[in-house]
Amino acid sequence: MSHIAGDHLKFGFPMAWSVTTLAWGILDFRSGYETSGEFTNALNGIRWATDYFLKAHPEENVFYGQVGRVCSLTLAFYIYIRP
């Protein structure tokens, strides 16, 4: 989930890129993930993202690629708050 400038948004497409990169890393460097003890954590991260994407596709021809509401530019870029 991305929290930018006090907005509380979820951007599906950057998340898709991130989880794809993680998955390719596991395919190419599995032994490194296993040696470091992070293989299961990486798989859990991929599973979390794919579960999220399945929920964001509730019916045929419907996909929620962004969730949230952007506030005004003035508020969005001058006030920084905890997510």
PDB file of N, CA and C in Angstrom:
ATOM      1  N   MET A   1       0.853  -1.165   0.000  1.00  0.00           N
ATOM      2  CA  MET A   1       0.000   0.000   0.000  1.00  0.00           C
ATOM      3  C   MET A   1       0.902   1.232   0.000  1.00  0.00           C
ATOM      4  N   SER A   2       0.535   2.241  -0.740  1.00  0.00           N
ATOM      5  CA  SER A   2       1.295   3.485  -0.782  1.00  0.00           C
ATOM      6  C   SER A   2       0.579   4.556   0.025  1.00  0.00           C
ATOM      7  N   HIS A   3       1.333   5.228   0.860  1.00  0.00           N
ATOM      8  CA  HIS A   3       0.815   6.386   1.591  1.00  0.00           C
ATOM      9  C   HIS A   3       1.641   7.581   1.127  1.00  0.00           C
ATOM     10  N   ILE A   4       1.044   8.460   0.364  1.00  0.00           N
ATOM     11  CA  ILE A   4       1.782   9.580  -0.201  1.00  0.00           C
ATOM     12  C   ILE A   4       1.166  10.879   0.278  1.00  0.00           C
ATOM     13  N   ALA A   5       1.969  11.721   0.914  1.00  0.00           N
ATOM     14  CA  ALA A   5       1.571  13.076   1.300  1.00  0.00           C
ATOM     15  C   ALA A   5       0.273  13.106   2.100  1.00  0.00           C
ATOM     16  N   GLY A   6       0.095  12.155   2.978  1.00  0.00           N
ATOM     17  CA  GLY A   6      -1.097  12.155   3.814  1.00  0.00           C
ATOM     18  C   GLY A   6      -2.306  11.495   3.189  1.00  0.00           C
ATOM     19  N   ASP A   7      -2.225  11.166   1.909  1.00  0.00           N
ATOM     20  CA  ASP A   7      -3.328  10.458   1.264  1.00  0.00           C
ATOM     21  C   ASP A   7      -3.249   8.987   1.654  1.00  0.00           C
ATOM     22  N   HIS A   8      -4.349   8.337   1.676  1.00  0.00           N
ATOM     23  CA  HIS A   8      -4.373   6.917   1.993  1.00  0.00           C
ATOM     24  C   HIS A   8      -4.902   6.188   0.764  1.00  0.00           C
ATOM     25  N   LEU A   9      -3.972   5.822  -0.103  1.00  0.00           N
ATOM     26  CA  LEU A   9      -4.318   5.239  -1.388  1.00  0.00           C
ATOM     27  C   LEU A   9      -3.664   3.879  -1.556  1.00  0.00           C
ATOM     28  N   LYS A  10      -4.256   3.059  -2.379  1.00  0.00           N
ATOM     29  CA  LYS A  10      -3.638   1.820  -2.813  1.00  0.00           C
ATOM     30  C   LYS A  10      -3.529   1.906  -4.330  1.00  0.00           C
ATOM     31  N   PHE A  11      -2.310   1.776  -4.835  1.00  0.00           N
ATOM     32  CA  PHE A  11      -2.080   1.785  -6.272  1.00  0.00           C
ATOM     33  C   PHE A  11      -1.765   0.370  -6.718  1.00  0.00           C
ATOM     34  N   GLY A  12      -2.664  -0.239  -7.467  1.00  0.00           N
ATOM     35  CA  GLY A  12      -2.510  -1.627  -7.868  1.00  0.00           C
ATOM     36  C   GLY A  12      -1.392  -1.874  -8.857  1.00  0.00           C
ATOM     37  N   PHE A  13      -1.160  -0.968  -9.781  1.00  0.00           N
ATOM     38  CA  PHE A  13      -0.187  -1.231 -10.822  1.00  0.00           C
ATOM     39  C   PHE A  13       1.256  -1.174 -10.306  1.00  0.00           C
ATOM     40  N   PRO A  14       1.639  -0.218  -9.447  1.00  0.00           N
ATOM     41  CA  PRO A  14       2.984  -0.297  -8.859  1.00  0.00           C
ATOM     42  C   PRO A  14       3.155  -1.549  -7.986  1.00  0.00           C
ATOM     43  N   MET A  15       2.087  -1.946  -7.293  1.00  0.00           N
ATOM     44  CA  MET A  15       2.157  -3.153  -6.484  1.00  0.00           C
ATOM     45  C   MET A  15       2.353  -4.376  -7.382  1.00  0.00           C
ATOM     46  N   ALA A  16       1.692  -4.391  -8.526  1.00  0.00           N
ATOM     47  CA  ALA A  16       1.846  -5.503  -9.466  1.00  0.00           C
ATOM     48  C   ALA A  16       3.292  -5.594  -9.956  1.00  0.00           C
ATOM     49  N   TRP A  17       3.886  -4.460 -10.253  1.00  0.00           N
ATOM     50  CA  TRP A  17       5.289  -4.435 -10.681  1.00  0.00           C
ATOM     51  C   TRP A  17       6.184  -4.971  -9.570  1.00  0.00           C
ATOM     52  N   SER A  18       5.948  -4.529  -8.343  1.00  0.00           N
ATOM     53  CA  SER A  18       6.777  -4.954  -7.211  1.00  0.00           C
ATOM     54  C   SER A  18       6.688  -6.451  -6.976  1.00  0.00           C
ATOM     55  N   VAL A  19       5.483  -6.990  -6.995  1.00  0.00           N
ATOM     56  CA  VAL A  19       5.331  -8.417  -6.720  1.00  0.00           C
ATOM     57  C   VAL A  19       5.850  -9.256  -7.897  1.00  0.00           C
ATOM     58  N   THR A  20       5.754  -8.744  -9.101  1.00  0.00           N
ATOM     59  CA  THR A  20       6.330  -9.445 -10.252  1.00  0.00           C
ATOM     60  C   THR A  20       7.840  -9.496 -10.136  1.00  0.00           C
ATOM     61  N   THR A  21       8.450  -8.388  -9.736  1.00  0.00           N
ATOM     62  CA  THR A  21       9.898  -8.341  -9.546  1.00  0.00           C
ATOM     63  C   THR A  21      10.333  -9.307  -8.447  1.00  0.00           C
ATOM     64  N   LEU A  22       9.577  -9.350  -7.360  1.00  0.00           N
ATOM     65  CA  LEU A  22       9.871 -10.291  -6.278  1.00  0.00           C
ATOM     66  C   LEU A  22       9.780 -11.729  -6.787  1.00  0.00           C
ATOM     67  N   ALA A  23       8.742 -12.037  -7.546  1.00  0.00           N
ATOM     68  CA  ALA A  23       8.569 -13.391  -8.065  1.00  0.00           C
ATOM     69  C   ALA A  23       9.716 -13.786  -9.003  1.00  0.00           C
ATOM     70  N   TRP A  24      10.137 -12.873  -9.882  1.00  0.00           N
ATOM     71  CA  TRP A  24      11.258 -13.172 -10.771  1.00  0.00           C
ATOM     72  C   TRP A  24      12.534 -13.370  -9.972  1.00  0.00           C
ATOM     73  N   GLY A  25      12.692 -12.582  -8.909  1.00  0.00           N
ATOM     74  CA  GLY A  25      13.866 -12.747  -8.054  1.00  0.00           C
ATOM     75  C   GLY A  25      13.903 -14.112  -7.401  1.00  0.00           C
ATOM     76  N   ILE A  26      12.747 -14.591  -6.975  1.00  0.00           N
ATOM     77  CA  ILE A  26      12.680 -15.926  -6.374  1.00  0.00           C
ATOM     78  C   ILE A  26      13.013 -16.994  -7.410  1.00  0.00           C
ATOM     79  N   LEU A  27      12.503 -16.822  -8.628  1.00  0.00           N
ATOM     80  CA  LEU A  27      12.808 -17.799  -9.680  1.00  0.00           C
ATOM     81  C   LEU A  27      14.300 -17.836 -10.007  1.00  0.00           C
ATOM     82  N   ASP A  28      14.920 -16.664 -10.063  1.00  0.00           N
ATOM     83  CA  ASP A  28      16.331 -16.592 -10.444  1.00  0.00           C
ATOM     84  C   ASP A  28      17.291 -16.858  -9.291  1.00  0.00           C
ATOM     85  N   PHE A  29      16.894 -16.527  -8.064  1.00  0.00           N
ATOM     86  CA  PHE A  29      17.811 -16.600  -6.923  1.00  0.00           C
ATOM     87  C   PHE A  29      17.218 -17.370  -5.748  1.00  0.00           C
ATOM     88  N   ARG A  30      16.527 -18.435  -6.048  1.00  0.00           N
ATOM     89  CA  ARG A  30      15.851 -19.204  -4.999  1.00  0.00           C
ATOM     90  C   ARG A  30      16.810 -19.633  -3.893  1.00  0.00           C
ATOM     91  N   SER A  31      17.975 -20.101  -4.257  1.00  0.00           N
ATOM     92  CA  SER A  31      18.912 -20.585  -3.244  1.00  0.00           C
ATOM     93  C   SER A  31      19.314 -19.474  -2.267  1.00  0.00           C
ATOM     94  N   GLY A  32      19.430 -18.259  -2.758  1.00  0.00           N
ATOM     95  CA  GLY A  32      19.750 -17.136  -1.879  1.00  0.00           C
ATOM     96  C   GLY A  32      18.640 -16.855  -0.885  1.00  0.00           C
ATOM     97  N   TYR A  33      17.395 -16.930  -1.343  1.00  0.00           N
ATOM     98  CA  TYR A  33      16.252 -16.751  -0.444  1.00  0.00           C
ATOM     99  C   TYR A  33      16.201 -17.878   0.588  1.00  0.00           C
ATOM    100  N   GLU A  34      16.481 -19.099   0.146  1.00  0.00           N
ATOM    101  CA  GLU A  34      16.450 -20.234   1.071  1.00  0.00           C
ATOM    102  C   GLU A  34      17.587 -20.138   2.090  1.00  0.00           C
ATOM    103  N   THR A  35      18.779 -19.794   1.631  1.00  0.00           N
ATOM    104  CA  THR A  35      19.933 -19.676   2.527  1.00  0.00           C
ATOM    105  C   THR A  35      19.714 -18.593   3.587  1.00  0.00           C
ATOM    106  N   SER A  36      19.094 -17.494   3.177  1.00  0.00           N
ATOM    107  CA  SER A  36      18.861 -16.389   4.117  1.00  0.00           C
ATOM    108  C   SER A  36      17.648 -16.620   5.010  1.00  0.00           C
ATOM    109  N   GLY A  37      16.893 -17.675   4.737  1.00  0.00           N
ATOM    110  CA  GLY A  37      15.698 -17.959   5.527  1.00  0.00           C
ATOM    111  C   GLY A  37      14.508 -17.082   5.166  1.00  0.00           C
ATOM    112  N   GLU A  38      14.556 -16.449   4.002  1.00  0.00           N
ATOM    113  CA  GLU A  38      13.493 -15.533   3.586  1.00  0.00           C
ATOM    114  C   GLU A  38      12.585 -16.094   2.496  1.00  0.00           C
ATOM    115  N   PHE A  39      12.809 -17.341   2.111  1.00  0.00           N
ATOM    116  CA  PHE A  39      12.018 -17.919   1.029  1.00  0.00           C
ATOM    117  C   PHE A  39      10.526 -17.937   1.376  1.00  0.00           C
ATOM    118  N   THR A  40      10.181 -18.404   2.561  1.00  0.00           N
ATOM    119  CA  THR A  40       8.772 -18.461   2.967  1.00  0.00           C
ATOM    120  C   THR A  40       8.175 -17.068   3.075  1.00  0.00           C
ATOM    121  N   ASN A  41       8.939 -16.108   3.601  1.00  0.00           N
ATOM    122  CA  ASN A  41       8.438 -14.728   3.682  1.00  0.00           C
ATOM    123  C   ASN A  41       8.172 -14.153   2.297  1.00  0.00           C
ATOM    124  N   ALA A  42       9.051 -14.439   1.357  1.00  0.00           N
ATOM    125  CA  ALA A  42       8.859 -13.948  -0.018  1.00  0.00           C
ATOM    126  C   ALA A  42       7.602 -14.562  -0.637  1.00  0.00           C
ATOM    127  N   LEU A  43       7.423 -15.869  -0.437  1.00  0.00           N
ATOM    128  CA  LEU A  43       6.216 -16.511  -0.971  1.00  0.00           C
ATOM    129  C   LEU A  43       4.956 -15.937  -0.315  1.00  0.00           C
ATOM    130  N   ASN A  44       5.023 -15.666   0.987  1.00  0.00           N
ATOM    131  CA  ASN A  44       3.880 -15.061   1.680  1.00  0.00           C
ATOM    132  C   ASN A  44       3.569 -13.673   1.132  1.00  0.00           C
ATOM    133  N   GLY A  45       4.599 -12.915   0.782  1.00  0.00           N
ATOM    134  CA  GLY A  45       4.391 -11.593   0.188  1.00  0.00           C
ATOM    135  C   GLY A  45       3.707 -11.676  -1.156  1.00  0.00           C
ATOM    136  N   ILE A  46       4.138 -12.633  -1.953  1.00  0.00           N
ATOM    137  CA  ILE A  46       3.500 -12.839  -3.261  1.00  0.00           C
ATOM    138  C   ILE A  46       2.060 -13.280  -3.073  1.00  0.00           C
ATOM    139  N   ARG A  47       1.837 -14.176  -2.142  1.00  0.00           N
ATOM    140  CA  ARG A  47       0.476 -14.675  -1.885  1.00  0.00           C
ATOM    141  C   ARG A  47      -0.440 -13.535  -1.433  1.00  0.00           C
ATOM    142  N   TRP A  48       0.063 -12.661  -0.542  1.00  0.00           N
ATOM    143  CA  TRP A  48      -0.738 -11.533  -0.061  1.00  0.00           C
ATOM    144  C   TRP A  48      -1.161 -10.659  -1.247  1.00  0.00           C
ATOM    145  N   ALA A  49      -0.207 -10.347  -2.120  1.00  0.00           N
ATOM    146  CA  ALA A  49      -0.507  -9.474  -3.264  1.00  0.00           C
ATOM    147  C   ALA A  49      -1.473 -10.142  -4.237  1.00  0.00           C
ATOM    148  N   THR A  50      -1.270 -11.416  -4.533  1.00  0.00           N
ATOM    149  CA  THR A  50      -2.178 -12.068  -5.471  1.00  0.00           C
ATOM    150  C   THR A  50      -3.580 -12.200  -4.881  1.00  0.00           C
ATOM    151  N   ASP A  51      -3.676 -12.450  -3.587  1.00  0.00           N
ATOM    152  CA  ASP A  51      -4.995 -12.469  -2.938  1.00  0.00           C
ATOM    153  C   ASP A  51      -5.671 -11.107  -3.059  1.00  0.00           C
ATOM    154  N   TYR A  52      -4.895 -10.037  -2.847  1.00  0.00           N
ATOM    155  CA  TYR A  52      -5.433  -8.677  -2.973  1.00  0.00           C
ATOM    156  C   TYR A  52      -5.948  -8.432  -4.396  1.00  0.00           C
ATOM    157  N   PHE A  53      -5.149  -8.833  -5.402  1.00  0.00           N
ATOM    158  CA  PHE A  53      -5.567  -8.612  -6.786  1.00  0.00           C
ATOM    159  C   PHE A  53      -6.804  -9.418  -7.145  1.00  0.00           C
ATOM    160  N   LEU A  54      -6.920 -10.618  -6.624  1.00  0.00           N
ATOM    161  CA  LEU A  54      -8.131 -11.407  -6.865  1.00  0.00           C
ATOM    162  C   LEU A  54      -9.359 -10.718  -6.277  1.00  0.00           C
ATOM    163  N   LYS A  55      -9.201 -10.118  -5.102  1.00  0.00           N
ATOM    164  CA  LYS A  55     -10.318  -9.393  -4.481  1.00  0.00           C
ATOM    165  C   LYS A  55     -10.633  -8.097  -5.233  1.00  0.00           C
ATOM    166  N   ALA A  56      -9.615  -7.525  -5.898  1.00  0.00           N
ATOM    167  CA  ALA A  56      -9.819  -6.290  -6.661  1.00  0.00           C
ATOM    168  C   ALA A  56     -10.463  -6.556  -8.023  1.00  0.00           C
ATOM    169  N   HIS A  57     -10.699  -7.803  -8.332  1.00  0.00           N
ATOM    170  CA  HIS A  57     -11.329  -8.215  -9.594  1.00  0.00           C
ATOM    171  C   HIS A  57     -12.595  -9.007  -9.258  1.00  0.00           C
ATOM    172  N   PRO A  58     -13.632  -8.301  -8.778  1.00  0.00           N
ATOM    173  CA  PRO A  58     -14.805  -8.986  -8.234  1.00  0.00           C
ATOM    174  C   PRO A  58     -15.720  -9.624  -9.280  1.00  0.00           C
ATOM    175  N   GLU A  59     -15.626  -9.161 -10.509  1.00  0.00           N
ATOM    176  CA  GLU A  59     -16.469  -9.730 -11.561  1.00  0.00           C
ATOM    177  C   GLU A  59     -15.808  -9.498 -12.905  1.00  0.00           C
ATOM    178  N   GLU A  60     -16.329 -10.171 -13.911  1.00  0.00           N
ATOM    179  CA  GLU A  60     -15.761 -10.049 -15.243  1.00  0.00           C
ATOM    180  C   GLU A  60     -15.764  -8.591 -15.702  1.00  0.00           C
ATOM    181  N   ASN A  61     -14.658  -8.159 -16.291  1.00  0.00           N
ATOM    182  CA  ASN A  61     -14.486  -6.800 -16.819  1.00  0.00           C
ATOM    183  C   ASN A  61     -14.488  -5.718 -15.746  1.00  0.00           C
ATOM    184  N   VAL A  62     -14.228  -6.066 -14.495  1.00  0.00           N
ATOM    185  CA  VAL A  62     -14.133  -5.083 -13.414  1.00  0.00           C
ATOM    186  C   VAL A  62     -12.834  -5.329 -12.658  1.00  0.00           C
ATOM    187  N   PHE A  63     -11.994  -4.284 -12.582  1.00  0.00           N
ATOM    188  CA  PHE A  63     -10.770  -4.359 -11.792  1.00  0.00           C
ATOM    189  C   PHE A  63     -10.548  -3.006 -11.153  1.00  0.00           C
ATOM    190  N   TYR A  64     -10.338  -3.000  -9.853  1.00  0.00           N
ATOM    191  CA  TYR A  64     -10.060  -1.765  -9.127  1.00  0.00           C
ATOM    192  C   TYR A  64      -8.550  -1.585  -9.049  1.00  0.00           C
ATOM    193  N   GLY A  65      -8.017  -0.704  -9.891  1.00  0.00           N
ATOM    194  CA  GLY A  65      -6.579  -0.479  -9.970  1.00  0.00           C
ATOM    195  C   GLY A  65      -6.067   0.550  -8.995  1.00  0.00           C
ATOM    196  N   GLN A  66      -6.949   1.388  -8.484  1.00  0.00           N
ATOM    197  CA  GLN A  66      -6.568   2.399  -7.493  1.00  0.00           C
ATOM    198  C   GLN A  66      -7.715   2.540  -6.512  1.00  0.00           C
ATOM    199  N   VAL A  67      -7.381   2.544  -5.238  1.00  0.00           N
ATOM    200  CA  VAL A  67      -8.388   2.687  -4.203  1.00  0.00           C
ATOM    201  C   VAL A  67      -8.021   3.893  -3.357  1.00  0.00           C
ATOM    202  N   GLY A  68      -8.969   4.776  -3.140  1.00  0.00           N
ATOM    203  CA  GLY A  68      -8.722   5.952  -2.308  1.00  0.00           C
ATOM    204  C   GLY A  68      -9.086   7.222  -3.031  1.00  0.00           C
ATOM    205  N   ARG A  69      -8.973   8.301  -2.304  1.00  0.00           N
ATOM    206  CA  ARG A  69      -9.333   9.613  -2.848  1.00  0.00           C
ATOM    207  C   ARG A  69      -8.177  10.571  -2.611  1.00  0.00           C
ATOM    208  N   VAL A  70      -7.759  11.246  -3.653  1.00  0.00           N
ATOM    209  CA  VAL A  70      -6.689  12.221  -3.539  1.00  0.00           C
ATOM    210  C   VAL A  70      -7.287  13.547  -3.097  1.00  0.00           C
ATOM    211  N   CYS A  71      -6.705  14.133  -2.062  1.00  0.00           N
ATOM    212  CA  CYS A  71      -7.193  15.446  -1.625  1.00  0.00           C
ATOM    213  C   CYS A  71      -6.541  16.528  -2.491  1.00  0.00           C
ATOM    214  N   SER A  72      -6.863  17.775  -2.231  1.00  0.00           N
ATOM    215  CA  SER A  72      -6.372  18.873  -3.068  1.00  0.00           C
ATOM    216  C   SER A  72      -4.847  18.914  -3.078  1.00  0.00           C
ATOM    217  N   LEU A  73      -4.275  19.480  -4.127  1.00  0.00           N
ATOM    218  CA  LEU A  73      -2.821  19.561  -4.226  1.00  0.00           C
ATOM    219  C   LEU A  73      -2.202  20.320  -3.060  1.00  0.00           C
ATOM    220  N   THR A  74      -2.837  21.393  -2.646  1.00  0.00           N
ATOM    221  CA  THR A  74      -2.300  22.171  -1.531  1.00  0.00           C
ATOM    222  C   THR A  74      -2.193  21.301  -0.290  1.00  0.00           C
ATOM    223  N   LEU A  75      -3.248  20.621   0.045  1.00  0.00           N
ATOM    224  CA  LEU A  75      -3.245  19.773   1.232  1.00  0.00           C
ATOM    225  C   LEU A  75      -2.339  18.566   1.040  1.00  0.00           C
ATOM    226  N   ALA A  76      -2.362  17.988  -0.129  1.00  0.00           N
ATOM    227  CA  ALA A  76      -1.620  16.757  -0.363  1.00  0.00           C
ATOM    228  C   ALA A  76      -0.114  16.939  -0.269  1.00  0.00           C
ATOM    229  N   PHE A  77       0.407  18.099  -0.651  1.00  0.00           N
ATOM    230  CA  PHE A  77       1.848  18.256  -0.714  1.00  0.00           C
ATOM    231  C   PHE A  77       2.436  19.157   0.359  1.00  0.00           C
ATOM    232  N   TYR A  78       1.625  19.679   1.247  1.00  0.00           N
ATOM    233  CA  TYR A  78       2.168  20.521   2.299  1.00  0.00           C
ATOM    234  C   TYR A  78       1.915  20.002   3.700  1.00  0.00           C
ATOM    235  N   ILE A  79       1.127  18.967   3.842  1.00  0.00           N
ATOM    236  CA  ILE A  79       0.866  18.393   5.156  1.00  0.00           C
ATOM    237  C   ILE A  79       1.281  16.936   5.136  1.00  0.00           C
ATOM    238  N   TYR A  80       2.201  16.587   6.004  1.00  0.00           N
ATOM    239  CA  TYR A  80       2.653  15.205   6.073  1.00  0.00           C
ATOM    240  C   TYR A  80       2.218  14.631   7.396  1.00  0.00           C
ATOM    241  N   ILE A  81       1.430  13.556   7.340  1.00  0.00           N
ATOM    242  CA  ILE A  81       0.922  12.936   8.552  1.00  0.00           C
ATOM    243  C   ILE A  81       1.232  11.448   8.501  1.00  0.00           C
ATOM    244  N   ARG A  82       1.140  10.798   9.649  1.00  0.00           N
ATOM    245  CA  ARG A  82       1.329   9.360   9.687  1.00  0.00           C
ATOM    246  C   ARG A  82       0.200   8.665   8.939  1.00  0.00           C
ATOM    247  N   PRO A  83       0.512   7.560   8.280  1.00  0.00           N
ATOM    248  CA  PRO A  83      -0.558   6.810   7.607  1.00  0.00           C
ATOM    249  C   PRO A  83      -1.500   6.183   8.610  1.00  0.00           C
TER     250      PRO A  83
END
